[in-house]
Amino acid sequence: MAITAAQVNELRQKTGAGMMDCKKALTEADGDFDKAIEILRKKGTAVATKRAEKSTNEGMILTKVSDDKISGAIVEVNCETDFVANSDDFQKFAAAVLKGIYETKPATVNELLEKNQDISDKLNDVMGKVGEKIQISRFAIENAPGGMLIDYIHLGSKLGVLVKFDNVSAGKDEFTIIGKDIAMQVAAMKPICVYREEVPKDLIEKEMDIYEELARKEGKPEQILEKIAQGRLNKYYQENCLVEQAFIKDNAKSVGDLLKEFNSKHGTQIKIARFRRFHLGDEQK
């Protein structure tokens, strides 16, 4: 019988085995799930039934940037316990995943596992060895032609950042230091975007409603509620938009000021294009 992608995915979710292994097992079992699970167990490629129901809140974040700082990747690989996260087997697997993503640039995790049998096999092997569910949760690939990528991994590999800068030409060595500071800023201050224009409209409306209601409860006149709310919204931007945040190494200036100073000194027009901030276990967006 023909095996569908949905069947393969369901078996993978139940067993933690790789996509190709699940497809082969289902084909051999003629679509019988219980028999397919038995086949996978006998081959050592299934960690356990219902393993996918286990939570994977531990793991590590890894980044890689090319020597010329033009291409890079960031990935989150998860497991169930901190004990396994600190194991040599898990860390070697996570490093292999990062390498595979960086070199082959897949669009999705499924594509990575389907087209890179070595990674798929390593996933099955490490799950079988440590007895836990291992999951490649998310990744991002960046390219910065004419610009620069800067990465930062916080101690413990639970938090990682990848920042893309545009128009980096003169003063590259000096800017690498500033870029690292900005990456650390992203890690420490958790901005939601680079510029205030990027804040979603629905979020702005929600914040304005909250601020107006707060002002109303404070007894402020109705005719000035919007003005008060706008002032508080500006404060929200300063706290949550990267270029408006106070610079962590000198709160007398903003991150935007830091860039302006560098651009003025070197005659450049460097901009922060975007950032990726992966914190272990964060809700994916």
Protein backbone atom coordinates (compact mmCIF):
# COMPACT_ATOMS: atom_id res chain seq x y z
CA MET A 1 0.00 0.00 0.00
CA ALA A 2 1.06 3.61 -0.55
CA ILE A 3 2.51 5.26 2.55
CA THR A 4 1.56 8.90 3.00
CA ALA A 5 3.70 11.68 4.43
CA ALA A 6 1.11 12.13 7.19
CA GLN A 7 1.54 8.51 8.28
CA VAL A 8 5.31 8.88 8.29
CA ASN A 9 5.11 12.05 10.36
CA GLU A 10 2.70 10.46 12.85
CA LEU A 11 5.00 7.49 13.36
CA ARG A 12 7.97 9.81 13.76
CA GLN A 13 6.11 11.78 16.43
CA LYS A 14 5.26 8.59 18.30
CA THR A 15 8.72 7.06 18.18
CA GLY A 16 11.27 9.82 17.67
CA ALA A 17 12.80 7.88 14.77
CA GLY A 18 13.96 9.52 11.54
CA MET A 19 11.66 10.21 8.59
CA MET A 20 13.29 7.70 6.25
CA ASP A 21 13.39 5.00 8.93
CA CYS A 22 9.69 5.53 9.63
CA LYS A 23 8.82 5.34 5.95
CA LYS A 24 10.78 2.11 5.53
CA ALA A 25 9.19 0.59 8.63
CA LEU A 26 5.67 1.51 7.52
CA THR A 27 6.33 0.10 4.06
CA GLU A 28 7.66 -3.13 5.54
CA ALA A 29 4.67 -3.30 7.91
CA ASP A 30 2.22 -2.54 5.10
CA GLY A 31 0.94 0.49 7.00
CA ASP A 32 0.42 -1.28 10.33
CA PHE A 33 1.57 1.19 13.02
CA ASP A 34 2.09 -1.31 15.83
CA LYS A 35 4.11 -3.56 13.57
CA ALA A 36 6.11 -0.59 12.28
CA ILE A 37 6.94 0.44 15.85
CA GLU A 38 8.10 -3.11 16.56
CA ILE A 39 10.30 -3.05 13.47
CA LEU A 40 11.86 0.24 14.54
CA ARG A 41 12.49 -1.05 18.05
CA LYS A 42 14.18 -4.15 16.74
CA LYS A 43 16.43 -1.96 14.60
CA GLY A 44 17.17 0.28 17.57
CA THR A 45 15.90 3.38 15.79
CA ALA A 46 12.94 4.13 18.05
CA VAL A 47 13.63 5.54 21.47
CA ALA A 48 10.27 4.44 22.87
CA THR A 49 6.60 4.68 22.08
CA LYS A 50 5.06 7.99 23.07
CA ARG A 51 8.55 9.45 23.55
CA ALA A 52 7.35 12.45 21.55
CA GLU A 53 4.99 13.30 24.41
CA LYS A 54 7.98 14.05 26.61
CA SER A 55 8.91 17.70 27.01
CA THR A 56 12.24 18.89 25.67
CA ASN A 57 13.06 21.99 27.69
CA GLU A 58 16.80 21.45 27.95
CA GLY A 59 19.48 21.49 25.27
CA MET A 60 21.70 24.12 23.72
CA ILE A 61 21.89 27.00 21.28
CA LEU A 62 24.73 27.06 18.76
CA THR A 63 25.88 29.57 16.16
CA LYS A 64 28.37 29.57 13.31
CA VAL A 65 29.61 32.50 11.23
CA SER A 66 32.01 32.29 8.29
CA ASP A 67 35.49 33.78 8.56
CA ASP A 68 34.48 36.63 6.27
CA LYS A 69 31.34 37.17 8.39
CA ILE A 70 29.09 36.98 5.34
CA SER A 71 27.15 33.78 6.09
CA GLY A 72 25.98 32.22 9.32
CA ALA A 73 23.45 30.05 11.12
CA ILE A 74 21.88 29.64 14.54
CA VAL A 75 20.12 26.52 15.82
CA GLU A 76 18.34 25.23 18.92
CA VAL A 77 18.65 21.52 19.69
CA ASN A 78 16.66 20.18 22.64
CA CYS A 79 16.59 17.19 24.96
CA GLU A 80 14.67 16.29 28.12
CA THR A 81 17.26 16.78 30.88
CA ASP A 82 20.22 19.01 31.65
CA PHE A 83 22.26 15.87 32.32
CA VAL A 84 21.94 14.80 28.68
CA ALA A 85 22.42 18.38 27.46
CA ASN A 86 25.84 18.35 29.09
CA SER A 87 26.78 14.95 27.68
CA ASP A 88 29.44 14.53 25.02
CA ASP A 89 27.07 12.53 22.78
CA PHE A 90 24.42 15.26 22.73
CA GLN A 91 26.89 18.08 22.20
CA LYS A 92 28.60 16.28 19.33
CA PHE A 93 25.20 15.69 17.72
CA ALA A 94 24.20 19.34 18.15
CA ALA A 95 27.50 20.40 16.54
CA ALA A 96 26.82 18.04 13.61
CA VAL A 97 23.35 19.54 13.19
CA LEU A 98 24.76 23.07 13.09
CA LYS A 99 27.37 22.00 10.54
CA GLY A 100 24.71 20.31 8.38
CA ILE A 101 22.47 23.38 8.45
CA TYR A 102 25.34 25.76 7.74
CA GLU A 103 26.62 23.71 4.80
CA THR A 104 23.40 22.50 3.14
CA LYS A 105 21.05 25.38 4.05
CA PRO A 106 17.78 23.40 4.28
CA ALA A 107 14.45 25.21 4.39
CA THR A 108 13.01 23.11 7.23
CA VAL A 109 14.07 20.57 9.85
CA ASN A 110 12.26 17.86 7.89
CA GLU A 111 14.25 18.76 4.78
CA LEU A 112 17.47 18.54 6.77
CA LEU A 113 16.59 15.05 8.06
CA GLU A 114 15.27 13.80 4.73
CA LYS A 115 18.23 14.99 2.65
CA ASN A 116 20.98 14.41 5.18
CA GLN A 117 20.88 10.74 6.11
CA ASP A 118 23.97 11.13 8.28
CA ILE A 119 22.18 13.62 10.55
CA SER A 120 19.08 11.42 10.62
CA ASP A 121 21.17 8.41 11.58
CA LYS A 122 23.01 10.37 14.25
CA LEU A 123 19.67 11.52 15.70
CA ASN A 124 18.48 7.93 15.99
CA ASP A 125 21.79 6.79 17.44
CA VAL A 126 21.99 9.45 20.13
CA MET A 127 18.34 8.99 21.16
CA GLY A 128 18.91 5.29 21.48
CA LYS A 129 22.07 5.84 23.48
CA VAL A 130 20.83 8.46 25.96
CA GLY A 131 17.24 7.22 26.17
CA GLU A 132 15.70 10.65 25.71
CA LYS A 133 13.79 12.50 23.04
CA ILE A 134 16.13 14.75 21.04
CA GLN A 135 14.62 17.48 18.90
CA ILE A 136 15.96 20.03 16.43
CA SER A 137 13.50 22.76 17.35
CA ARG A 138 14.39 25.68 15.09
CA PHE A 139 17.14 27.29 13.10
CA ALA A 140 17.83 30.35 11.02
CA ILE A 141 20.26 30.93 8.17
CA GLU A 142 21.55 34.40 7.36
CA ASN A 143 23.60 35.92 4.55
CA ALA A 144 25.01 39.43 4.59
CA PRO A 145 26.60 40.34 1.24
CA GLY A 146 28.05 43.81 1.65
CA GLY A 147 27.43 43.59 5.37
CA MET A 148 28.44 41.58 8.40
CA LEU A 149 27.09 38.89 10.71
CA ILE A 150 28.01 38.88 14.40
CA ASP A 151 27.12 36.04 16.77
CA TYR A 152 27.13 35.71 20.53
CA ILE A 153 26.57 32.69 22.76
CA HIS A 154 25.95 33.34 26.43
CA LEU A 155 27.76 31.20 28.98
CA GLY A 156 26.12 27.78 29.20
CA SER A 157 24.84 27.83 25.60
CA LYS A 158 21.25 28.47 26.72
CA LEU A 159 21.02 31.76 24.84
CA GLY A 160 22.37 32.72 21.44
CA VAL A 161 22.19 35.74 19.15
CA LEU A 162 22.92 36.34 15.48
CA VAL A 163 22.83 39.95 14.25
CA LYS A 164 22.91 41.06 10.62
CA PHE A 165 24.38 44.46 9.75
CA ASP A 166 24.10 46.10 6.33
CA ASN A 167 26.58 48.42 4.58
CA VAL A 168 29.70 47.41 6.49
CA SER A 169 32.71 48.59 4.51
CA ALA A 170 35.33 50.75 6.27
CA GLY A 171 36.55 50.01 9.78
CA LYS A 172 35.49 46.36 9.75
CA ASP A 173 37.85 45.27 12.51
CA GLU A 174 36.75 48.10 14.78
CA PHE A 175 33.11 47.48 13.98
CA THR A 176 33.42 43.80 14.90
CA ILE A 177 33.92 44.92 18.52
CA ILE A 178 30.87 47.20 18.37
CA GLY A 179 28.86 44.49 16.65
CA LYS A 180 29.68 42.05 19.45
CA ASP A 181 28.52 44.62 22.00
CA ILE A 182 25.23 45.00 20.12
CA ALA A 183 24.79 41.23 20.00
CA MET A 184 25.34 41.15 23.76
CA GLN A 185 22.76 43.95 24.05
CA VAL A 186 20.22 41.78 22.24
CA ALA A 187 20.98 38.89 24.58
CA ALA A 188 20.73 40.98 27.75
CA MET A 189 17.87 43.38 26.95
CA LYS A 190 15.60 41.15 24.83
CA PRO A 191 14.35 43.71 22.29
CA ILE A 192 11.31 42.70 20.26
CA CYS A 193 12.51 44.39 17.06
CA VAL A 194 15.17 46.73 15.67
CA TYR A 195 13.07 49.80 14.84
CA ARG A 196 9.77 51.14 16.19
CA GLU A 197 8.28 50.90 12.70
CA GLU A 198 8.55 47.11 13.02
CA VAL A 199 6.32 46.86 16.10
CA PRO A 200 3.09 45.12 15.01
CA LYS A 201 0.12 47.47 14.70
CA ASP A 202 -2.10 45.29 16.88
CA LEU A 203 0.50 45.39 19.66
CA ILE A 204 0.67 49.19 19.47
CA GLU A 205 -3.12 49.43 19.69
CA LYS A 206 -3.15 47.10 22.67
CA GLU A 207 -0.49 49.14 24.49
CA MET A 208 -2.32 52.42 23.74
CA ASP A 209 -5.55 50.98 25.14
CA ILE A 210 -3.77 49.91 28.31
CA TYR A 211 -2.05 53.27 28.77
CA GLU A 212 -5.26 55.23 28.20
CA GLU A 213 -7.13 53.08 30.71
CA LEU A 214 -4.36 53.51 33.27
CA ALA A 215 -4.45 57.28 32.80
CA ARG A 216 -8.24 57.24 33.10
CA LYS A 217 -8.01 55.38 36.42
CA GLU A 218 -5.46 57.93 37.58
CA GLY A 219 -8.15 60.58 37.09
CA LYS A 220 -6.58 62.29 34.09
CA PRO A 221 -8.91 64.42 31.90
CA GLU A 222 -10.42 62.51 29.00
CA GLN A 223 -9.15 64.97 26.41
CA ILE A 224 -5.48 64.32 27.24
CA LEU A 225 -5.62 60.53 27.62
CA GLU A 226 -4.30 59.93 24.10
CA LYS A 227 -1.39 62.34 24.61
CA ILE A 228 -0.44 60.64 27.88
CA ALA A 229 -0.72 57.22 26.24
CA GLN A 230 1.50 58.34 23.37
CA GLY A 231 4.16 59.47 25.82
CA ARG A 232 4.08 56.09 27.53
CA LEU A 233 4.21 54.38 24.15
CA ASN A 234 7.42 56.26 23.37
CA LYS A 235 8.83 54.85 26.60
CA TYR A 236 7.75 51.38 25.44
CA TYR A 237 9.69 51.90 22.19
CA GLN A 238 12.77 52.95 24.13
CA GLU A 239 12.62 49.78 26.20
CA ASN A 240 11.78 47.32 23.42
CA CYS A 241 13.23 48.58 20.12
CA LEU A 242 16.93 47.79 19.81
CA VAL A 243 18.15 51.09 18.33
CA GLU A 244 16.29 53.08 21.00
CA GLN A 245 17.44 51.03 23.98
CA ALA A 246 20.02 52.52 26.32
CA PHE A 247 23.38 50.96 25.49
CA ILE A 248 24.30 48.46 28.22
CA LYS A 249 27.92 49.69 28.40
CA ASP A 250 27.00 53.38 28.50
CA ASN A 251 23.38 54.21 29.31
CA ALA A 252 23.99 57.87 28.46
CA LYS A 253 23.63 56.88 24.80
CA SER A 254 21.32 54.60 22.83
CA VAL A 255 22.34 51.78 20.51
CA GLY A 256 21.30 54.06 17.66
CA ASP A 257 23.65 56.74 18.97
CA LEU A 258 26.47 54.20 19.03
CA LEU A 259 25.93 53.44 15.34
CA LYS A 260 25.68 57.15 14.45
CA GLU A 261 29.00 57.84 16.13
CA PHE A 262 30.71 55.04 14.22
CA ASN A 263 29.16 56.04 10.89
CA SER A 264 30.18 59.67 11.41
CA LYS A 265 33.76 58.65 12.22
CA HIS A 266 34.17 56.30 9.25
CA GLY A 267 31.85 57.87 6.67
CA THR A 268 29.74 54.73 6.56
CA GLN A 269 26.01 54.00 6.62
CA ILE A 270 25.91 50.84 8.70
CA LYS A 271 22.44 49.69 9.74
CA ILE A 272 21.14 46.83 11.83
CA ALA A 273 19.14 44.74 9.38
CA ARG A 274 17.75 42.16 11.83
CA PHE A 275 18.62 39.93 14.73
CA ARG A 276 17.87 36.37 15.78
CA ARG A 277 17.64 35.74 19.51
CA PHE A 278 17.20 32.11 20.55
CA HIS A 279 16.66 31.49 24.25
CA LEU A 280 16.34 27.85 25.25
CA GLY A 281 12.70 26.83 25.45
CA ASP A 282 11.29 30.17 24.27
CA GLU A 283 7.99 30.00 22.41
CA GLN A 284 8.78 29.92 18.71
CA LYS A 285 7.34 32.66 16.54
